[in-house]
């Protein structure tokens, strides 16, 4: 049985939750889902310019788990940009 997941701290909940290629109706697009923790990892690393160890501490997770979350986010964004897919940010229900 896997370990229970730790509660990760997410301090950002975006107002905009969809991004899509211009000029293509949503009904013709595949959607890539980014989780709230992936968006938070991107925000801490790329917008706030925190080192991985500091960002991991802020999210209440290990550095290796933070790296996996960040890598997953980069992979999803690259897939959406290269293959012309929409990006949906799954909002957190916790406030």
N, C-alpha and C. Protein backbone atom coordinates (compact mmCIF):
# COMPACT_ATOMS: atom_id res chain seq x y z
N UNK A 1 0.84 -1.17 0.00
CA UNK A 1 0.00 0.00 0.00
C UNK A 1 0.89 1.24 0.00
N UNK A 2 0.62 2.24 -0.90
CA UNK A 2 1.47 3.42 -0.96
C UNK A 2 1.27 4.33 0.25
N UNK A 3 2.29 5.13 0.49
CA UNK A 3 2.20 6.11 1.57
C UNK A 3 1.09 7.10 1.29
N UNK A 4 0.44 7.59 2.34
CA UNK A 4 -0.57 8.64 2.11
C UNK A 4 0.09 9.93 1.64
N UNK A 5 -0.60 10.66 0.78
CA UNK A 5 -0.07 11.91 0.25
C UNK A 5 -0.07 13.00 1.30
N UNK A 6 1.01 13.77 1.34
CA UNK A 6 1.07 14.92 2.24
C UNK A 6 0.20 16.03 1.70
N UNK A 7 -0.29 16.86 2.58
CA UNK A 7 -1.07 18.02 2.18
C UNK A 7 -0.08 19.08 1.68
N UNK A 8 -0.19 19.43 0.41
CA UNK A 8 0.73 20.41 -0.17
C UNK A 8 0.14 21.80 -0.06
N UNK A 9 0.98 22.76 0.20
CA UNK A 9 0.53 24.14 0.35
C UNK A 9 0.46 24.80 -1.02
N UNK A 10 -0.71 25.28 -1.37
CA UNK A 10 -0.92 25.98 -2.62
C UNK A 10 -1.43 27.37 -2.27
N UNK A 11 -0.65 28.38 -2.61
CA UNK A 11 -1.01 29.75 -2.23
C UNK A 11 -1.51 30.57 -3.41
N UNK A 12 -1.80 29.92 -4.52
CA UNK A 12 -2.21 30.63 -5.72
C UNK A 12 -3.35 29.89 -6.38
N UNK A 13 -4.41 30.59 -6.66
CA UNK A 13 -5.54 30.02 -7.36
C UNK A 13 -5.88 30.98 -8.50
N UNK A 14 -5.54 30.63 -9.73
CA UNK A 14 -5.67 31.58 -10.84
C UNK A 14 -7.12 31.91 -11.19
N UNK A 15 -7.33 33.12 -11.68
CA UNK A 15 -8.66 33.53 -12.15
C UNK A 15 -8.94 32.97 -13.54
N UNK A 16 -7.91 32.83 -14.34
CA UNK A 16 -8.04 32.30 -15.70
C UNK A 16 -7.70 30.82 -15.66
N UNK A 17 -8.59 29.98 -16.19
CA UNK A 17 -8.36 28.53 -16.10
C UNK A 17 -8.23 27.84 -17.45
N UNK A 18 -8.37 28.56 -18.55
CA UNK A 18 -8.22 27.96 -19.88
C UNK A 18 -7.31 28.80 -20.75
N UNK A 19 -6.45 28.14 -21.50
CA UNK A 19 -5.66 28.77 -22.55
C UNK A 19 -5.81 27.89 -23.77
N UNK A 20 -5.95 28.51 -24.95
CA UNK A 20 -6.13 27.71 -26.15
C UNK A 20 -5.50 28.43 -27.33
N UNK A 21 -5.22 27.67 -28.40
CA UNK A 21 -4.70 28.31 -29.61
C UNK A 21 -5.75 29.27 -30.20
N UNK A 22 -5.29 30.40 -30.67
CA UNK A 22 -6.18 31.40 -31.25
C UNK A 22 -6.80 30.87 -32.55
N UNK A 23 -8.08 31.14 -32.73
CA UNK A 23 -8.75 30.83 -33.99
C UNK A 23 -9.25 29.41 -34.13
N UNK A 24 -9.08 28.58 -33.10
CA UNK A 24 -9.56 27.20 -33.15
C UNK A 24 -10.65 27.03 -32.10
N UNK A 25 -11.86 26.65 -32.50
CA UNK A 25 -12.92 26.45 -31.50
C UNK A 25 -12.56 25.34 -30.51
N UNK A 26 -12.99 25.50 -29.27
CA UNK A 26 -12.68 24.52 -28.22
C UNK A 26 -13.14 23.12 -28.58
N UNK A 27 -14.25 23.00 -29.29
CA UNK A 27 -14.78 21.67 -29.60
C UNK A 27 -13.84 20.85 -30.49
N UNK A 28 -12.89 21.51 -31.15
CA UNK A 28 -11.94 20.81 -32.01
C UNK A 28 -10.60 20.53 -31.32
N UNK A 29 -10.47 20.94 -30.07
CA UNK A 29 -9.18 20.83 -29.38
C UNK A 29 -9.19 19.73 -28.33
N UNK A 30 -8.04 19.07 -28.21
CA UNK A 30 -7.80 18.21 -27.06
C UNK A 30 -7.40 19.13 -25.91
N UNK A 31 -7.64 18.67 -24.69
CA UNK A 31 -7.33 19.49 -23.51
C UNK A 31 -6.28 18.79 -22.66
N UNK A 32 -5.28 19.55 -22.23
CA UNK A 32 -4.27 19.09 -21.30
C UNK A 32 -4.60 19.71 -19.94
N UNK A 33 -4.67 18.90 -18.90
CA UNK A 33 -5.02 19.38 -17.56
C UNK A 33 -3.78 19.60 -16.71
N UNK A 34 -3.64 20.82 -16.20
CA UNK A 34 -2.59 21.14 -15.23
C UNK A 34 -3.24 21.19 -13.85
N UNK A 35 -2.64 20.53 -12.88
CA UNK A 35 -3.18 20.56 -11.53
C UNK A 35 -2.75 21.84 -10.83
N UNK A 36 -3.43 22.15 -9.75
CA UNK A 36 -3.10 23.35 -8.97
C UNK A 36 -1.67 23.26 -8.44
N UNK A 37 -1.23 22.05 -8.04
CA UNK A 37 0.14 21.94 -7.52
C UNK A 37 1.17 22.13 -8.63
N UNK A 38 0.86 21.73 -9.86
CA UNK A 38 1.78 21.98 -10.97
C UNK A 38 1.89 23.47 -11.27
N UNK A 39 0.78 24.17 -11.24
CA UNK A 39 0.79 25.62 -11.46
C UNK A 39 1.56 26.33 -10.34
N UNK A 40 1.36 25.87 -9.11
CA UNK A 40 2.08 26.46 -7.97
C UNK A 40 3.58 26.23 -8.11
N UNK A 41 3.98 25.03 -8.53
CA UNK A 41 5.40 24.75 -8.73
C UNK A 41 5.99 25.65 -9.82
N UNK A 42 5.26 25.83 -10.91
CA UNK A 42 5.72 26.73 -11.98
C UNK A 42 5.85 28.16 -11.47
N UNK A 43 4.89 28.59 -10.68
CA UNK A 43 4.90 29.96 -10.13
C UNK A 43 6.10 30.17 -9.21
N UNK A 44 6.33 29.23 -8.32
CA UNK A 44 7.44 29.38 -7.37
C UNK A 44 8.79 29.35 -8.06
N UNK A 45 8.95 28.45 -9.01
CA UNK A 45 10.25 28.29 -9.68
C UNK A 45 10.51 29.39 -10.72
N UNK A 46 9.51 29.69 -11.56
CA UNK A 46 9.74 30.58 -12.69
C UNK A 46 9.33 32.03 -12.48
N UNK A 47 8.33 32.29 -11.67
CA UNK A 47 7.89 33.65 -11.44
C UNK A 47 8.56 34.23 -10.18
N UNK A 48 8.55 33.47 -9.11
CA UNK A 48 9.17 33.93 -7.85
C UNK A 48 10.68 33.67 -7.81
N UNK A 49 11.19 32.88 -8.74
CA UNK A 49 12.62 32.58 -8.86
C UNK A 49 13.23 31.94 -7.61
N UNK A 50 12.46 31.08 -6.94
CA UNK A 50 12.99 30.35 -5.79
C UNK A 50 13.84 29.18 -6.27
N UNK A 51 14.85 28.84 -5.48
CA UNK A 51 15.59 27.61 -5.72
C UNK A 51 14.66 26.44 -5.42
N UNK A 52 14.98 25.27 -5.97
CA UNK A 52 14.10 24.11 -5.78
C UNK A 52 13.91 23.74 -4.32
N UNK A 53 14.96 23.81 -3.54
CA UNK A 53 14.82 23.44 -2.12
C UNK A 53 13.88 24.38 -1.39
N UNK A 54 14.01 25.68 -1.67
CA UNK A 54 13.16 26.67 -1.02
C UNK A 54 11.70 26.53 -1.50
N UNK A 55 11.52 26.31 -2.79
CA UNK A 55 10.17 26.14 -3.35
C UNK A 55 9.51 24.88 -2.79
N UNK A 56 10.29 23.82 -2.65
CA UNK A 56 9.76 22.57 -2.09
C UNK A 56 9.32 22.77 -0.65
N UNK A 57 10.10 23.51 0.12
CA UNK A 57 9.72 23.81 1.50
C UNK A 57 8.41 24.60 1.55
N UNK A 58 8.27 25.58 0.66
CA UNK A 58 7.06 26.39 0.63
C UNK A 58 5.83 25.55 0.28
N UNK A 59 6.02 24.50 -0.53
CA UNK A 59 4.90 23.63 -0.90
C UNK A 59 4.73 22.46 0.08
N UNK A 60 5.59 22.39 1.08
CA UNK A 60 5.53 21.31 2.08
C UNK A 60 5.73 19.94 1.45
N UNK A 61 6.77 19.84 0.62
CA UNK A 61 7.08 18.58 -0.05
C UNK A 61 8.59 18.42 -0.15
N UNK A 62 9.03 17.25 -0.55
CA UNK A 62 10.48 17.03 -0.70
C UNK A 62 10.96 17.65 -2.02
N UNK A 63 12.26 17.84 -2.11
CA UNK A 63 12.83 18.42 -3.32
C UNK A 63 12.61 17.49 -4.52
N UNK A 64 12.73 16.20 -4.32
CA UNK A 64 12.54 15.26 -5.44
C UNK A 64 11.08 15.24 -5.91
N UNK A 65 10.15 15.33 -4.98
CA UNK A 65 8.74 15.38 -5.36
C UNK A 65 8.45 16.69 -6.08
N UNK A 66 9.02 17.78 -5.60
CA UNK A 66 8.85 19.07 -6.28
C UNK A 66 9.35 18.98 -7.72
N UNK A 67 10.50 18.35 -7.91
CA UNK A 67 11.06 18.20 -9.26
C UNK A 67 10.14 17.37 -10.15
N UNK A 68 9.54 16.32 -9.60
CA UNK A 68 8.60 15.50 -10.39
C UNK A 68 7.37 16.31 -10.78
N UNK A 69 6.86 17.12 -9.86
CA UNK A 69 5.69 17.97 -10.16
C UNK A 69 6.04 18.97 -11.25
N UNK A 70 7.20 19.61 -11.12
CA UNK A 70 7.66 20.59 -12.10
C UNK A 70 7.87 19.96 -13.47
N UNK A 71 8.50 18.80 -13.51
CA UNK A 71 8.73 18.10 -14.77
C UNK A 71 7.43 17.74 -15.45
N UNK A 72 6.46 17.30 -14.66
CA UNK A 72 5.14 16.96 -15.20
C UNK A 72 4.49 18.20 -15.82
N UNK A 73 4.58 19.33 -15.14
CA UNK A 73 4.01 20.58 -15.66
C UNK A 73 4.68 20.99 -16.96
N UNK A 74 6.01 20.93 -17.01
CA UNK A 74 6.73 21.29 -18.24
C UNK A 74 6.35 20.38 -19.40
N UNK A 75 6.22 19.08 -19.12
CA UNK A 75 5.86 18.11 -20.15
C UNK A 75 4.47 18.41 -20.72
N UNK A 76 3.52 18.71 -19.83
CA UNK A 76 2.15 19.00 -20.27
C UNK A 76 2.08 20.29 -21.09
N UNK A 77 2.80 21.32 -20.64
CA UNK A 77 2.79 22.59 -21.36
C UNK A 77 3.45 22.43 -22.73
N UNK A 78 4.56 21.71 -22.79
CA UNK A 78 5.22 21.47 -24.07
C UNK A 78 4.30 20.71 -25.02
N UNK A 79 3.61 19.70 -24.52
CA UNK A 79 2.67 18.94 -25.34
C UNK A 79 1.59 19.86 -25.92
N UNK A 80 1.04 20.73 -25.07
CA UNK A 80 -0.01 21.63 -25.53
C UNK A 80 0.50 22.62 -26.58
N UNK A 81 1.68 23.18 -26.35
CA UNK A 81 2.22 24.15 -27.30
C UNK A 81 2.62 23.52 -28.62
N UNK A 82 3.29 22.39 -28.56
CA UNK A 82 3.78 21.73 -29.78
C UNK A 82 2.64 21.13 -30.60
N UNK A 83 1.66 20.54 -29.91
CA UNK A 83 0.58 19.83 -30.60
C UNK A 83 -0.72 20.62 -30.70
N UNK A 84 -0.71 21.89 -30.35
CA UNK A 84 -1.88 22.75 -30.50
C UNK A 84 -3.07 22.33 -29.66
N UNK A 85 -2.83 22.03 -28.39
CA UNK A 85 -3.90 21.63 -27.48
C UNK A 85 -4.24 22.77 -26.53
N UNK A 86 -5.43 22.71 -25.96
CA UNK A 86 -5.83 23.68 -24.95
C UNK A 86 -5.26 23.26 -23.61
N UNK A 87 -5.07 24.22 -22.71
CA UNK A 87 -4.60 23.94 -21.36
C UNK A 87 -5.69 24.34 -20.38
N UNK A 88 -6.08 23.41 -19.53
CA UNK A 88 -7.06 23.71 -18.48
C UNK A 88 -6.34 23.60 -17.14
N UNK A 89 -6.52 24.62 -16.31
CA UNK A 89 -5.95 24.58 -14.96
C UNK A 89 -7.06 24.11 -14.02
N UNK A 90 -6.81 22.98 -13.39
CA UNK A 90 -7.77 22.41 -12.45
C UNK A 90 -7.61 23.15 -11.13
N UNK A 91 -8.62 23.91 -10.76
CA UNK A 91 -8.55 24.72 -9.54
C UNK A 91 -8.66 23.84 -8.30
N UNK A 92 -8.02 24.30 -7.27
CA UNK A 92 -8.10 23.61 -5.99
C UNK A 92 -9.43 23.95 -5.32
N UNK A 93 -9.99 23.00 -4.61
CA UNK A 93 -11.26 23.25 -3.91
C UNK A 93 -11.01 23.79 -2.52
N UNK A 94 -9.77 23.66 -2.00
CA UNK A 94 -9.43 24.16 -0.68
C UNK A 94 -9.10 25.64 -0.77
N UNK A 95 -9.55 26.41 0.15
CA UNK A 95 -9.23 27.85 0.16
C UNK A 95 -8.44 28.18 1.40
